[in-house]
Amino acid sequence: MDLPLKPRAGIYIDDSNLYKRGRASGWMVDYNKLYQWVSKINIIVHARVYIGLPKYEPGRSIVLRMIRHLEKTGYVPTTKDLKRLRDEGSSEGFKNKCNFDIEMHDEIMRDLSEIDVVYIASGDSDFIRTKDNILKCGKRVKFLAYSKNCAWEIRSGSWYVSLDSIKAEVSHITEKPGTRPGEVAQG
């Protein structure tokens, strides 16, 4: 399939996957910058982000503020409450879990008739079946994932874009007081 000069694209972000992998990699993706990166060569038709909501404060309020910010960019959020699972290996004795694989797959397949290229921001091998279905429909797919925390089945294909290779364009910058010109650090 030949793509138009500016293909219609859908971007689907698995927040749980990128959050965990980002922490392990030492840097985080700024979803608004990722949106801008994809929009440089595509017309974004669908932008979806899948986010687990903490049941406790202040975590819940923080995530809800982030969601409102992402909606201003053009993202449509899909949310559900985080589950707390027992984890003896964790210092807290539990871990939070939220899985959106089914929702992401269903929404990608539903949106597919309106787009030429699907960007899946996740390194989870569960999306290999989704990739296969996208390709069978004659569409293109790109996975966006951290290099060191990506399933080999994704990393080994031509459909893989390492987030590390575009880090300068999509990383979240946390400025510390006193690091911007003219700003004085208190201390």
N, C-alpha and C. Protein backbone atom coordinates (compact mmCIF):
# COMPACT_ATOMS: atom_id res chain seq x y z
N MET A 1 0.84 -1.18 0.00
CA MET A 1 0.00 0.00 0.00
C MET A 1 0.88 1.24 0.00
N ASP A 2 0.68 2.10 -0.98
CA ASP A 2 1.38 3.38 -0.99
C ASP A 2 0.66 4.34 -0.05
N LEU A 3 1.45 5.05 0.73
CA LEU A 3 0.88 6.01 1.67
C LEU A 3 0.75 7.38 1.03
N PRO A 4 -0.26 8.13 1.42
CA PRO A 4 -0.35 9.52 0.96
C PRO A 4 0.82 10.33 1.52
N LEU A 5 1.04 11.51 0.98
CA LEU A 5 2.13 12.37 1.44
C LEU A 5 2.04 12.61 2.94
N LYS A 6 0.85 12.83 3.43
CA LYS A 6 0.62 13.03 4.87
C LYS A 6 -0.44 12.01 5.29
N PRO A 7 -0.02 10.80 5.72
CA PRO A 7 -0.96 9.74 6.06
C PRO A 7 -1.82 10.09 7.28
N ARG A 8 -3.00 9.49 7.33
CA ARG A 8 -3.88 9.62 8.49
C ARG A 8 -3.40 8.60 9.52
N ALA A 9 -3.23 9.07 10.76
CA ALA A 9 -2.63 8.21 11.78
C ALA A 9 -3.48 8.15 13.04
N GLY A 10 -3.29 7.05 13.75
CA GLY A 10 -3.84 6.89 15.09
C GLY A 10 -2.69 6.58 16.02
N ILE A 11 -2.69 7.22 17.18
CA ILE A 11 -1.66 6.95 18.19
C ILE A 11 -2.36 6.42 19.43
N TYR A 12 -1.85 5.29 19.94
CA TYR A 12 -2.46 4.57 21.05
C TYR A 12 -1.39 4.35 22.11
N ILE A 13 -1.54 4.97 23.27
CA ILE A 13 -0.51 4.94 24.31
C ILE A 13 -0.94 4.07 25.48
N ASP A 14 -0.13 3.06 25.76
CA ASP A 14 -0.31 2.20 26.93
C ASP A 14 0.49 2.84 28.07
N ASP A 15 -0.19 3.70 28.85
CA ASP A 15 0.49 4.48 29.88
C ASP A 15 1.21 3.60 30.90
N SER A 16 0.59 2.53 31.32
CA SER A 16 1.21 1.66 32.31
C SER A 16 2.54 1.11 31.80
N ASN A 17 2.56 0.68 30.55
CA ASN A 17 3.78 0.14 29.96
C ASN A 17 4.85 1.22 29.86
N LEU A 18 4.50 2.39 29.34
CA LEU A 18 5.50 3.45 29.18
C LEU A 18 5.97 3.99 30.52
N TYR A 19 5.07 4.06 31.51
CA TYR A 19 5.46 4.55 32.82
C TYR A 19 6.48 3.62 33.47
N LYS A 20 6.17 2.32 33.50
CA LYS A 20 7.08 1.36 34.13
C LYS A 20 8.41 1.29 33.38
N ARG A 21 8.35 1.25 32.07
CA ARG A 21 9.57 1.15 31.27
C ARG A 21 10.37 2.44 31.32
N GLY A 22 9.69 3.56 31.40
CA GLY A 22 10.38 4.85 31.53
C GLY A 22 11.15 4.95 32.83
N ARG A 23 10.51 4.53 33.91
CA ARG A 23 11.21 4.54 35.21
C ARG A 23 12.45 3.65 35.16
N ALA A 24 12.32 2.49 34.53
CA ALA A 24 13.46 1.57 34.42
C ALA A 24 14.56 2.15 33.53
N SER A 25 14.18 2.96 32.54
CA SER A 25 15.16 3.53 31.61
C SER A 25 15.77 4.82 32.12
N GLY A 26 15.16 5.44 33.12
CA GLY A 26 15.71 6.68 33.69
C GLY A 26 15.20 7.95 33.06
N TRP A 27 14.24 7.86 32.16
CA TRP A 27 13.64 9.07 31.59
C TRP A 27 12.22 8.74 31.12
N MET A 28 11.39 9.78 31.03
CA MET A 28 9.98 9.59 30.72
C MET A 28 9.63 10.30 29.41
N VAL A 29 8.65 9.73 28.72
CA VAL A 29 8.13 10.33 27.49
C VAL A 29 7.09 11.39 27.85
N ASP A 30 7.17 12.52 27.21
CA ASP A 30 6.16 13.57 27.31
C ASP A 30 5.14 13.28 26.21
N TYR A 31 3.92 12.91 26.58
CA TYR A 31 2.92 12.49 25.60
C TYR A 31 2.54 13.61 24.64
N ASN A 32 2.59 14.85 25.10
CA ASN A 32 2.29 15.97 24.20
C ASN A 32 3.39 16.12 23.14
N LYS A 33 4.64 15.92 23.54
CA LYS A 33 5.74 15.98 22.58
C LYS A 33 5.67 14.79 21.62
N LEU A 34 5.25 13.64 22.11
CA LEU A 34 5.10 12.47 21.25
C LEU A 34 4.01 12.73 20.20
N TYR A 35 2.93 13.36 20.62
CA TYR A 35 1.85 13.75 19.71
C TYR A 35 2.40 14.66 18.60
N GLN A 36 3.21 15.65 19.01
CA GLN A 36 3.80 16.58 18.04
C GLN A 36 4.75 15.85 17.10
N TRP A 37 5.52 14.90 17.61
CA TRP A 37 6.45 14.14 16.78
C TRP A 37 5.69 13.36 15.72
N VAL A 38 4.62 12.68 16.11
CA VAL A 38 3.82 11.90 15.15
C VAL A 38 3.14 12.85 14.15
N SER A 39 2.69 14.00 14.61
CA SER A 39 1.94 14.92 13.73
C SER A 39 2.83 15.63 12.70
N LYS A 40 4.15 15.57 12.85
CA LYS A 40 5.04 16.19 11.86
C LYS A 40 4.90 15.53 10.49
N ILE A 41 4.64 14.23 10.47
CA ILE A 41 4.56 13.54 9.18
C ILE A 41 3.21 12.87 8.94
N ASN A 42 2.27 13.10 9.85
CA ASN A 42 0.95 12.47 9.75
C ASN A 42 -0.15 13.46 10.11
N ILE A 43 -1.35 13.15 9.69
CA ILE A 43 -2.54 13.84 10.18
C ILE A 43 -3.11 12.92 11.25
N ILE A 44 -3.13 13.38 12.48
CA ILE A 44 -3.62 12.54 13.56
C ILE A 44 -5.14 12.57 13.58
N VAL A 45 -5.73 11.41 13.36
CA VAL A 45 -7.18 11.25 13.35
C VAL A 45 -7.67 10.77 14.71
N HIS A 46 -6.91 9.86 15.32
CA HIS A 46 -7.24 9.34 16.64
C HIS A 46 -6.00 9.39 17.52
N ALA A 47 -6.16 9.89 18.73
CA ALA A 47 -5.08 9.89 19.73
C ALA A 47 -5.72 9.40 21.03
N ARG A 48 -5.32 8.23 21.44
CA ARG A 48 -5.92 7.62 22.63
C ARG A 48 -4.83 7.26 23.63
N VAL A 49 -5.14 7.49 24.89
CA VAL A 49 -4.22 7.14 25.97
C VAL A 49 -5.01 6.33 27.00
N TYR A 50 -4.39 5.26 27.47
CA TYR A 50 -5.03 4.31 28.37
C TYR A 50 -4.33 4.41 29.72
N ILE A 51 -5.07 4.91 30.73
CA ILE A 51 -4.45 5.26 32.02
C ILE A 51 -5.23 4.65 33.18
N GLY A 52 -4.50 4.01 34.09
CA GLY A 52 -5.10 3.51 35.32
C GLY A 52 -5.21 4.61 36.35
N LEU A 53 -6.34 4.65 37.05
CA LEU A 53 -6.58 5.67 38.07
C LEU A 53 -6.34 5.10 39.46
N PRO A 54 -5.47 5.75 40.23
CA PRO A 54 -5.31 5.33 41.63
C PRO A 54 -6.63 5.57 42.38
N LYS A 55 -6.88 4.76 43.39
CA LYS A 55 -8.09 4.93 44.20
C LYS A 55 -7.85 5.90 45.35
N TYR A 56 -6.61 6.26 45.58
CA TYR A 56 -6.22 7.07 46.73
C TYR A 56 -5.77 8.46 46.29
N GLU A 57 -5.78 9.38 47.25
CA GLU A 57 -5.26 10.73 47.03
C GLU A 57 -3.85 10.81 47.61
N PRO A 58 -2.99 11.62 47.08
CA PRO A 58 -3.20 12.60 46.03
C PRO A 58 -3.05 12.03 44.63
N GLY A 59 -2.70 10.73 44.53
CA GLY A 59 -2.44 10.12 43.23
C GLY A 59 -3.58 10.28 42.24
N ARG A 60 -4.81 10.09 42.71
CA ARG A 60 -5.97 10.19 41.81
C ARG A 60 -6.09 11.59 41.23
N SER A 61 -5.97 12.61 42.06
CA SER A 61 -6.09 14.00 41.59
C SER A 61 -4.97 14.36 40.61
N ILE A 62 -3.79 13.85 40.86
CA ILE A 62 -2.65 14.12 39.97
C ILE A 62 -2.93 13.53 38.59
N VAL A 63 -3.38 12.28 38.55
CA VAL A 63 -3.67 11.62 37.27
C VAL A 63 -4.82 12.32 36.56
N LEU A 64 -5.84 12.73 37.28
CA LEU A 64 -6.97 13.43 36.66
C LEU A 64 -6.54 14.77 36.05
N ARG A 65 -5.61 15.49 36.72
CA ARG A 65 -5.07 16.74 36.15
C ARG A 65 -4.29 16.44 34.88
N MET A 66 -3.50 15.36 34.90
CA MET A 66 -2.73 14.97 33.71
C MET A 66 -3.68 14.65 32.56
N ILE A 67 -4.76 13.96 32.84
CA ILE A 67 -5.73 13.60 31.81
C ILE A 67 -6.34 14.86 31.19
N ARG A 68 -6.72 15.81 32.02
CA ARG A 68 -7.29 17.08 31.49
C ARG A 68 -6.28 17.78 30.59
N HIS A 69 -5.01 17.75 30.97
CA HIS A 69 -3.96 18.36 30.16
C HIS A 69 -3.82 17.64 28.82
N LEU A 70 -3.87 16.30 28.84
CA LEU A 70 -3.75 15.53 27.60
C LEU A 70 -4.96 15.74 26.69
N GLU A 71 -6.13 15.93 27.26
CA GLU A 71 -7.33 16.19 26.46
C GLU A 71 -7.20 17.49 25.68
N LYS A 72 -6.52 18.49 26.26
CA LYS A 72 -6.33 19.76 25.57
C LYS A 72 -5.46 19.58 24.32
N THR A 73 -4.55 18.62 24.34
CA THR A 73 -3.71 18.32 23.19
C THR A 73 -4.49 17.61 22.10
N GLY A 74 -5.49 16.81 22.50
CA GLY A 74 -6.27 16.07 21.52
C GLY A 74 -6.43 14.60 21.85
N TYR A 75 -5.86 14.17 22.97
CA TYR A 75 -6.00 12.78 23.38
C TYR A 75 -7.39 12.50 23.93
N VAL A 76 -7.87 11.30 23.68
CA VAL A 76 -9.09 10.80 24.30
C VAL A 76 -8.64 9.74 25.31
N PRO A 77 -8.90 9.98 26.59
CA PRO A 77 -8.45 9.00 27.60
C PRO A 77 -9.46 7.87 27.79
N THR A 78 -8.92 6.70 28.07
CA THR A 78 -9.70 5.56 28.54
C THR A 78 -9.11 5.22 29.90
N THR A 79 -9.96 5.18 30.92
CA THR A 79 -9.47 4.95 32.28
C THR A 79 -10.22 3.81 32.96
N LYS A 80 -9.58 3.26 33.97
CA LYS A 80 -10.22 2.36 34.93
C LYS A 80 -9.35 2.35 36.18
N ASP A 81 -9.95 1.94 37.29
CA ASP A 81 -9.23 1.95 38.55
C ASP A 81 -8.08 0.93 38.55
N LEU A 82 -6.98 1.34 39.18
CA LEU A 82 -5.86 0.44 39.38
C LEU A 82 -6.26 -0.67 40.34
N LYS A 83 -5.73 -1.86 40.10
CA LYS A 83 -5.91 -2.97 41.04
C LYS A 83 -4.66 -3.05 41.89
N ARG A 84 -4.84 -3.39 43.14
CA ARG A 84 -3.70 -3.57 44.03
C ARG A 84 -3.51 -5.07 44.22
N LEU A 85 -2.36 -5.59 43.75
CA LEU A 85 -2.07 -7.02 43.82
C LEU A 85 -0.96 -7.29 44.83
N ARG A 86 -1.08 -8.38 45.55
CA ARG A 86 -0.04 -8.77 46.50
C ARG A 86 1.24 -9.08 45.72
N ASP A 87 2.36 -8.56 46.22
CA ASP A 87 3.66 -8.79 45.60
C ASP A 87 4.71 -8.88 46.70
N GLU A 88 5.06 -10.11 47.04
CA GLU A 88 6.02 -10.34 48.13
C GLU A 88 7.40 -9.78 47.80
N GLY A 89 7.72 -9.63 46.52
CA GLY A 89 9.02 -9.12 46.11
C GLY A 89 9.13 -7.61 46.23
N SER A 90 8.04 -6.93 46.45
CA SER A 90 8.02 -5.48 46.53
C SER A 90 8.22 -5.03 47.98
N SER A 91 8.87 -3.90 48.17
CA SER A 91 9.09 -3.38 49.53
C SER A 91 7.76 -3.02 50.20
N GLU A 92 6.75 -2.66 49.40
CA GLU A 92 5.44 -2.31 49.95
C GLU A 92 4.56 -3.55 50.17
N GLY A 93 4.94 -4.68 49.56
CA GLY A 93 4.16 -5.89 49.68
C GLY A 93 3.02 -5.99 48.67
N PHE A 94 2.94 -5.00 47.75
CA PHE A 94 1.91 -5.01 46.72
C PHE A 94 2.43 -4.25 45.50
N LYS A 95 1.72 -4.41 44.40
CA LYS A 95 1.99 -3.60 43.23
C LYS A 95 0.65 -3.19 42.62
N ASN A 96 0.65 -2.05 41.95
CA ASN A 96 -0.55 -1.59 41.25
C ASN A 96 -0.52 -2.16 39.84
N LYS A 97 -1.68 -2.54 39.33
CA LYS A 97 -1.77 -3.15 38.01
C LYS A 97 -3.00 -2.62 37.30
N CYS A 98 -2.84 -2.39 36.02
CA CYS A 98 -3.97 -1.98 35.19
C CYS A 98 -3.65 -2.40 33.76
N ASN A 99 -4.46 -3.24 33.20
CA ASN A 99 -4.19 -3.80 31.88
C ASN A 99 -5.26 -3.35 30.89
N PHE A 100 -4.81 -2.76 29.79
CA PHE A 100 -5.72 -2.24 28.77
C PHE A 100 -5.55 -2.93 27.42
N ASP A 101 -4.89 -4.08 27.38
CA ASP A 101 -4.59 -4.73 26.10
C ASP A 101 -5.84 -4.96 25.26
N ILE A 102 -6.90 -5.46 25.86
CA ILE A 102 -8.13 -5.74 25.11
C ILE A 102 -8.76 -4.45 24.61
N GLU A 103 -8.85 -3.44 25.48
CA GLU A 103 -9.44 -2.16 25.07
C GLU A 103 -8.65 -1.53 23.93
N MET A 104 -7.32 -1.56 24.04
CA MET A 104 -6.49 -0.98 22.98
C MET A 104 -6.70 -1.72 21.67
N HIS A 105 -6.64 -3.04 21.71
CA HIS A 105 -6.83 -3.84 20.50
C HIS A 105 -8.19 -3.52 19.86
N ASP A 106 -9.25 -3.54 20.67
CA ASP A 106 -10.60 -3.30 20.14
C ASP A 106 -10.72 -1.91 19.51
N GLU A 107 -10.19 -0.90 20.18
CA GLU A 107 -10.31 0.47 19.65
C GLU A 107 -9.45 0.68 18.41
N ILE A 108 -8.28 0.07 18.37
CA ILE A 108 -7.44 0.16 17.16
C ILE A 108 -8.18 -0.45 15.98
N MET A 109 -8.73 -1.64 16.19
CA MET A 109 -9.42 -2.32 15.08
C MET A 109 -10.67 -1.55 14.66
N ARG A 110 -11.36 -0.95 15.61
CA ARG A 110 -12.54 -0.15 15.29
C ARG A 110 -12.17 1.11 14.48
N ASP A 111 -11.03 1.72 14.82
CA ASP A 111 -10.59 2.96 14.16
C ASP A 111 -9.90 2.72 12.83
N LEU A 112 -9.51 1.49 12.55
CA LEU A 112 -8.62 1.17 11.43
C LEU A 112 -9.11 1.65 10.07
N SER A 113 -10.41 1.66 9.84
CA SER A 113 -10.91 2.07 8.53
C SER A 113 -10.66 3.55 8.26
N GLU A 114 -10.38 4.34 9.30
CA GLU A 114 -10.20 5.78 9.16
C GLU A 114 -8.74 6.21 9.10
N ILE A 115 -7.81 5.25 9.25
CA ILE A 115 -6.40 5.63 9.33
C ILE A 115 -5.54 4.76 8.42
N ASP A 116 -4.36 5.30 8.10
CA ASP A 116 -3.39 4.59 7.26
C ASP A 116 -2.28 3.95 8.08
N VAL A 117 -1.92 4.61 9.20
CA VAL A 117 -0.81 4.17 10.03
C VAL A 117 -1.25 4.15 11.50
N VAL A 118 -0.89 3.07 12.19
CA VAL A 118 -1.18 2.93 13.61
C VAL A 118 0.13 3.01 14.38
N TYR A 119 0.21 3.92 15.35
CA TYR A 119 1.34 4.02 16.26
C TYR A 119 0.92 3.44 17.60
N ILE A 120 1.58 2.37 18.03
CA ILE A 120 1.30 1.74 19.31
C ILE A 120 2.47 2.05 20.24
N ALA A 121 2.22 2.87 21.25
CA ALA A 121 3.26 3.23 22.20
C ALA A 121 3.25 2.22 23.35
N SER A 122 3.95 1.12 23.12
CA SER A 122 4.07 0.03 24.09
C SER A 122 5.10 -0.96 23.56
N GLY A 123 5.82 -1.57 24.49
CA GLY A 123 6.77 -2.61 24.11
C GLY A 123 6.27 -3.99 24.48
N ASP A 124 4.98 -4.10 24.73
CA ASP A 124 4.35 -5.33 25.19
C ASP A 124 4.09 -6.28 24.02
N SER A 125 4.61 -7.50 24.12
CA SER A 125 4.45 -8.48 23.03
C SER A 125 3.00 -8.91 22.85
N ASP A 126 2.11 -8.60 23.80
CA ASP A 126 0.69 -8.92 23.63
C ASP A 126 0.11 -8.23 22.40
N PHE A 127 0.76 -7.18 21.91
CA PHE A 127 0.24 -6.45 20.76
C PHE A 127 0.72 -7.00 19.41
N ILE A 128 1.44 -8.12 19.43
CA ILE A 128 1.87 -8.74 18.18
C ILE A 128 0.65 -9.18 17.37
N ARG A 129 -0.35 -9.73 18.03
CA ARG A 129 -1.58 -10.13 17.34
C ARG A 129 -2.28 -8.91 16.73
N THR A 130 -2.28 -7.81 17.46
CA THR A 130 -2.86 -6.58 16.93
C THR A 130 -2.11 -6.14 15.68
N LYS A 131 -0.77 -6.20 15.75
CA LYS A 131 0.06 -5.86 14.60
C LYS A 131 -0.28 -6.72 13.40
N ASP A 132 -0.40 -8.01 13.62
CA ASP A 132 -0.74 -8.94 12.53
C ASP A 132 -2.08 -8.59 11.90
N ASN A 133 -3.06 -8.25 12.72
CA ASN A 133 -4.39 -7.87 12.20
C ASN A 133 -4.34 -6.57 11.41
N ILE A 134 -3.54 -5.62 11.88
CA ILE A 134 -3.39 -4.34 11.17
C ILE A 134 -2.79 -4.59 9.79
N LEU A 135 -1.72 -5.39 9.74
CA LEU A 135 -1.05 -5.68 8.47
C LEU A 135 -1.97 -6.44 7.51
N LYS A 136 -2.77 -7.37 8.02
CA LYS A 136 -3.72 -8.11 7.18
C LYS A 136 -4.74 -7.19 6.53
N CYS A 137 -5.03 -6.08 7.19
CA CYS A 137 -5.98 -5.10 6.65
C CYS A 137 -5.31 -4.13 5.68
N GLY A 138 -4.02 -4.33 5.40
CA GLY A 138 -3.32 -3.48 4.44
C GLY A 138 -2.89 -2.14 5.00
N LYS A 139 -2.81 -2.03 6.30
CA LYS A 139 -2.40 -0.78 6.95
C LYS A 139 -0.98 -0.92 7.48
N ARG A 140 -0.39 0.21 7.87
CA ARG A 140 0.96 0.23 8.43
C ARG A 140 0.87 0.33 9.95
N VAL A 141 1.93 -0.15 10.61
CA VAL A 141 2.00 -0.08 12.07
C VAL A 141 3.41 0.27 12.50
N LYS A 142 3.51 1.06 13.54
CA LYS A 142 4.79 1.39 14.16
C LYS A 142 4.64 1.25 15.67
N PHE A 143 5.58 0.53 16.28
CA PHE A 143 5.65 0.44 17.73
C PHE A 143 6.65 1.48 18.21
N LEU A 144 6.30 2.19 19.26
CA LEU A 144 7.19 3.16 19.90
C LEU A 144 7.45 2.63 21.31
N ALA A 145 8.71 2.26 21.59
CA ALA A 145 9.01 1.66 22.89
C ALA A 145 10.46 1.93 23.28
N TYR A 146 10.72 1.87 24.58
CA TYR A 146 12.07 2.02 25.09
C TYR A 146 12.93 0.83 24.63
N SER A 147 14.16 1.09 24.25
CA SER A 147 15.04 0.05 23.70
C SER A 147 15.28 -1.11 24.65
N LYS A 148 15.62 -0.81 25.88
CA LYS A 148 16.01 -1.86 26.82
C LYS A 148 14.81 -2.59 27.42
N ASN A 149 13.63 -2.10 27.21
CA ASN A 149 12.46 -2.68 27.84
C ASN A 149 11.37 -2.95 26.82
N CYS A 150 11.76 -3.63 25.76
CA CYS A 150 10.83 -3.91 24.67
C CYS A 150 10.94 -5.39 24.31
N ALA A 151 9.82 -6.01 24.06
CA ALA A 151 9.82 -7.43 23.68
C ALA A 151 10.63 -7.63 22.40
N TRP A 152 11.38 -8.71 22.35
CA TRP A 152 12.22 -8.98 21.18
C TRP A 152 11.40 -9.10 19.91
N GLU A 153 10.16 -9.60 20.02
CA GLU A 153 9.32 -9.75 18.83
C GLU A 153 9.01 -8.40 18.18
N ILE A 154 8.99 -7.37 18.99
CA ILE A 154 8.75 -6.01 18.47
C ILE A 154 10.06 -5.41 17.98
N ARG A 155 11.11 -5.51 18.80
CA ARG A 155 12.42 -4.92 18.46
C ARG A 155 13.00 -5.45 17.17
N SER A 156 12.67 -6.69 16.81
CA SER A 156 13.29 -7.30 15.64
C SER A 156 12.61 -6.95 14.33
N GLY A 157 11.54 -6.19 14.37
CA GLY A 157 10.80 -5.89 13.14
C GLY A 157 11.03 -4.49 12.61
N SER A 158 10.70 -4.30 11.35
CA SER A 158 10.85 -2.99 10.72
C SER A 158 9.80 -2.00 11.23
N TRP A 159 8.84 -2.49 12.00
CA TRP A 159 7.77 -1.65 12.54
C TRP A 159 8.14 -1.00 13.86
N TYR A 160 9.39 -1.16 14.30
CA TYR A 160 9.82 -0.68 15.61
C TYR A 160 10.58 0.63 15.51
N VAL A 161 10.20 1.59 16.36
CA VAL A 161 10.93 2.86 16.51
C VAL A 161 11.32 2.96 17.97
N SER A 162 12.61 3.02 18.23
CA SER A 162 13.09 3.15 19.60
C SER A 162 12.82 4.55 20.12
N LEU A 163 12.16 4.64 21.26
CA LEU A 163 11.96 5.95 21.88
C LEU A 163 13.30 6.60 22.22
N ASP A 164 14.29 5.77 22.52
CA ASP A 164 15.62 6.30 22.84
C ASP A 164 16.21 7.05 21.64
N SER A 165 15.87 6.62 20.43
CA SER A 165 16.41 7.28 19.24
C SER A 165 15.77 8.65 19.00
N ILE A 166 14.64 8.91 19.62
CA ILE A 166 13.96 10.21 19.47
C ILE A 166 13.82 10.91 20.82
N LYS A 167 14.64 10.50 21.78
CA LYS A 167 14.57 11.03 23.15
C LYS A 167 14.63 12.56 23.18
N ALA A 168 15.51 13.15 22.42
CA ALA A 168 15.66 14.61 22.43
C ALA A 168 14.36 15.32 22.04
N GLU A 169 13.55 14.66 21.22
CA GLU A 169 12.31 15.26 20.74
C GLU A 169 11.10 14.96 21.62
N VAL A 170 11.15 13.86 22.39
CA VAL A 170 9.93 13.44 23.10
C VAL A 170 10.10 13.30 24.62
N SER A 171 11.27 13.59 25.15
CA SER A 171 11.47 13.37 26.59
C SER A 171 10.83 14.47 27.42
N HIS A 172 10.40 14.07 28.60
CA HIS A 172 9.84 14.98 29.59
C HIS A 172 11.00 15.63 30.31
N ILE A 173 11.05 16.94 30.30
CA ILE A 173 12.13 17.68 30.95
C ILE A 173 11.62 18.17 32.30
N THR A 174 12.32 17.80 33.34
CA THR A 174 11.99 18.30 34.68
C THR A 174 13.06 19.31 35.05
N GLU A 175 12.63 20.57 35.13
CA GLU A 175 13.59 21.61 35.47
C GLU A 175 13.66 21.75 36.98
N LYS A 176 14.86 21.89 37.48
CA LYS A 176 15.08 22.11 38.90
C LYS A 176 15.21 23.61 39.14
N PRO A 177 14.74 24.11 40.29
CA PRO A 177 14.89 25.54 40.57
C PRO A 177 16.34 25.97 40.44
N GLY A 178 16.55 27.12 39.81
CA GLY A 178 17.88 27.64 39.64
C GLY A 178 18.57 27.19 38.37
N THR A 179 17.87 26.44 37.54
CA THR A 179 18.50 25.95 36.30
C THR A 179 18.09 26.75 35.08
N ARG A 180 17.05 27.57 35.22
CA ARG A 180 16.64 28.40 34.08
C ARG A 180 17.35 29.75 34.19
N PRO A 181 17.67 30.38 33.06
CA PRO A 181 18.36 31.69 33.10
C PRO A 181 17.58 32.69 33.93
N GLY A 182 18.27 33.37 34.81
CA GLY A 182 17.65 34.40 35.64
C GLY A 182 16.97 33.89 36.89
N GLU A 183 16.89 32.60 37.08
CA GLU A 183 16.21 32.04 38.23
C GLU A 183 17.25 31.73 39.33
N VAL A 184 16.92 32.07 40.52
CA VAL A 184 17.83 31.86 41.65
C VAL A 184 17.31 30.72 42.50
N ALA A 185 18.17 29.78 42.79
CA ALA A 185 17.79 28.67 43.66
C ALA A 185 17.78 29.13 45.09
N GLN A 186 16.77 28.71 45.84
CA GLN A 186 16.72 29.04 47.25
C GLN A 186 17.45 27.99 48.03
N GLY A 187 18.10 28.36 49.05
CA GLY A 187 18.78 27.33 49.80
C GLY A 187 19.63 27.88 50.80
